[in-house]
Amino acid sequence: MNGPGTSSEGAYAYHEMLLEVLRQLNRSGERAGSVEGLELVELARVMNAFWASRLLPDQLDGALALLVENGLVRTDEAPVYAWDRQRTLGRRYLITPLGKSYLVRQLEEFDRIR
């Protein structure tokens, strides 16, 4: 893992990345009139500021797989045209109710809402 020196710092940084993924997916679901969810490339793009100071974007695939496996994120494979993006979207990642609940608990516990 590319990141901080100690294993506890690396685990904390990875957890921060998971929370940022959930934040971004939650924000994408709040846009009115938009197709819900983000494609992998869209998620990577909106996380650019996060990558600048933390982990490398090549860890995003693994983070998404972990979140999907644990039921915090789901995928939608059905192609759908998004008027606001002016193209047909493929696989999208969406936050689940369990993911929203986890995100809220973590934000309350650490008292950090960005």
Protein backbone atom coordinates (compact mmCIF):
# COMPACT_ATOMS: atom_id res chain seq x y z
CA MET A 1 0.00 0.00 0.00
CA ASN A 2 1.29 3.41 -0.88
CA GLY A 3 0.68 5.72 2.00
CA PRO A 4 1.76 6.54 5.53
CA GLY A 5 4.56 4.62 7.21
CA THR A 6 2.97 2.56 9.97
CA SER A 7 0.33 -0.10 9.51
CA SER A 8 -2.13 1.71 11.79
CA GLU A 9 -1.66 4.92 9.78
CA GLY A 10 -2.17 2.94 6.57
CA ALA A 11 -5.36 1.36 7.93
CA TYR A 12 -6.64 4.77 9.01
CA ALA A 13 -5.88 6.23 5.57
CA TYR A 14 -7.67 3.32 3.87
CA HIS A 15 -10.70 3.82 6.14
CA GLU A 16 -10.70 7.52 5.21
CA MET A 17 -10.75 6.52 1.55
CA LEU A 18 -13.74 4.21 2.15
CA LEU A 19 -15.59 7.04 3.89
CA GLU A 20 -14.78 9.43 1.03
CA VAL A 21 -16.17 6.94 -1.50
CA LEU A 22 -19.37 6.72 0.55
CA ARG A 23 -19.53 10.52 0.82
CA GLN A 24 -19.21 10.96 -2.93
CA LEU A 25 -21.79 8.29 -3.71
CA ASN A 26 -24.16 9.84 -1.18
CA ARG A 27 -23.71 13.27 -2.80
CA SER A 28 -24.37 11.82 -6.25
CA GLY A 29 -27.70 10.46 -5.04
CA GLU A 30 -28.78 13.90 -3.86
CA ARG A 31 -28.60 15.56 -7.28
CA ALA A 32 -32.11 16.24 -8.53
CA GLY A 33 -33.01 14.97 -11.97
CA SER A 34 -29.88 12.91 -12.28
CA VAL A 35 -29.39 9.21 -12.87
CA GLU A 36 -28.40 7.77 -9.55
CA GLY A 37 -24.86 6.53 -8.99
CA LEU A 38 -21.41 7.15 -10.42
CA GLU A 39 -19.35 5.19 -12.89
CA LEU A 40 -15.82 4.26 -11.82
CA VAL A 41 -14.22 7.00 -13.93
CA GLU A 42 -16.66 9.60 -12.57
CA LEU A 43 -15.96 8.55 -9.00
CA ALA A 44 -12.21 8.72 -9.57
CA ARG A 45 -12.59 12.21 -11.05
CA VAL A 46 -14.66 13.62 -8.16
CA MET A 47 -12.13 12.19 -5.72
CA ASN A 48 -9.17 14.06 -7.25
CA ALA A 49 -8.79 16.40 -4.28
CA PHE A 50 -8.76 13.40 -1.94
CA TRP A 51 -6.02 11.64 -3.93
CA ALA A 52 -3.79 14.69 -3.81
CA SER A 53 -3.09 14.24 -0.11
CA ARG A 54 -3.68 10.55 0.54
CA LEU A 55 -3.76 7.19 -1.22
CA LEU A 56 -3.33 6.51 -4.91
CA PRO A 57 -6.37 6.14 -7.15
CA ASP A 58 -5.35 2.59 -8.15
CA GLN A 59 -6.74 1.49 -4.78
CA LEU A 60 -10.26 2.59 -5.74
CA ASP A 61 -11.17 -0.74 -7.40
CA GLY A 62 -10.30 -2.67 -4.24
CA ALA A 63 -12.14 -0.21 -2.02
CA LEU A 64 -15.29 -0.48 -4.17
CA ALA A 65 -15.09 -4.28 -4.16
CA LEU A 66 -14.84 -4.26 -0.35
CA LEU A 67 -17.78 -1.87 0.01
CA VAL A 68 -19.92 -3.93 -2.38
CA GLU A 69 -18.98 -7.18 -0.63
CA ASN A 70 -20.06 -5.71 2.72
CA GLY A 71 -23.34 -4.32 1.40
CA LEU A 72 -22.47 -0.63 1.80
CA VAL A 73 -22.45 -0.04 -1.96
CA ARG A 74 -24.29 -1.78 -4.78
CA THR A 75 -23.83 -1.79 -8.53
CA ASP A 76 -26.35 -1.15 -11.26
CA GLU A 77 -25.38 -2.69 -14.58
CA ALA A 78 -28.39 -1.58 -16.63
CA PRO A 79 -27.44 0.91 -19.34
CA VAL A 80 -29.39 4.14 -18.98
CA TYR A 81 -29.20 7.47 -20.76
CA ALA A 82 -28.40 10.38 -18.45
CA TRP A 83 -29.60 13.69 -19.87
CA ASP A 84 -27.41 15.72 -17.54
CA ARG A 85 -24.30 13.81 -18.68
CA GLN A 86 -25.48 13.53 -22.30
CA ARG A 87 -24.49 9.91 -22.68
CA THR A 88 -25.48 6.37 -21.86
CA LEU A 89 -24.05 5.18 -18.56
CA GLY A 90 -22.78 1.69 -17.88
CA ARG A 91 -22.00 0.12 -14.52
CA ARG A 92 -22.73 2.57 -11.74
CA TYR A 93 -21.98 2.41 -8.04
CA LEU A 94 -24.66 3.49 -5.57
CA ILE A 95 -24.65 3.86 -1.81
CA THR A 96 -27.08 1.55 0.00
CA PRO A 97 -29.16 2.39 3.08
CA LEU A 98 -26.63 0.40 5.12
CA GLY A 99 -23.83 2.49 3.59
CA LYS A 100 -25.65 5.72 4.48
CA SER A 101 -26.17 4.52 8.02
CA TYR A 102 -22.49 3.59 8.36
CA LEU A 103 -21.41 6.95 6.93
CA VAL A 104 -23.62 8.88 9.37
CA ARG A 105 -22.35 6.85 12.35
CA GLN A 106 -18.74 7.43 11.36
CA LEU A 107 -19.26 11.16 10.85
CA GLU A 108 -20.97 11.46 14.23
CA GLU A 109 -18.32 9.37 15.98
CA PHE A 110 -15.40 11.35 14.57
CA ASP A 111 -17.32 14.65 14.48
CA ARG A 112 -15.99 15.43 11.02
CA ILE A 113 -18.35 16.46 8.33
CA ARG A 114 -16.60 17.83 5.25
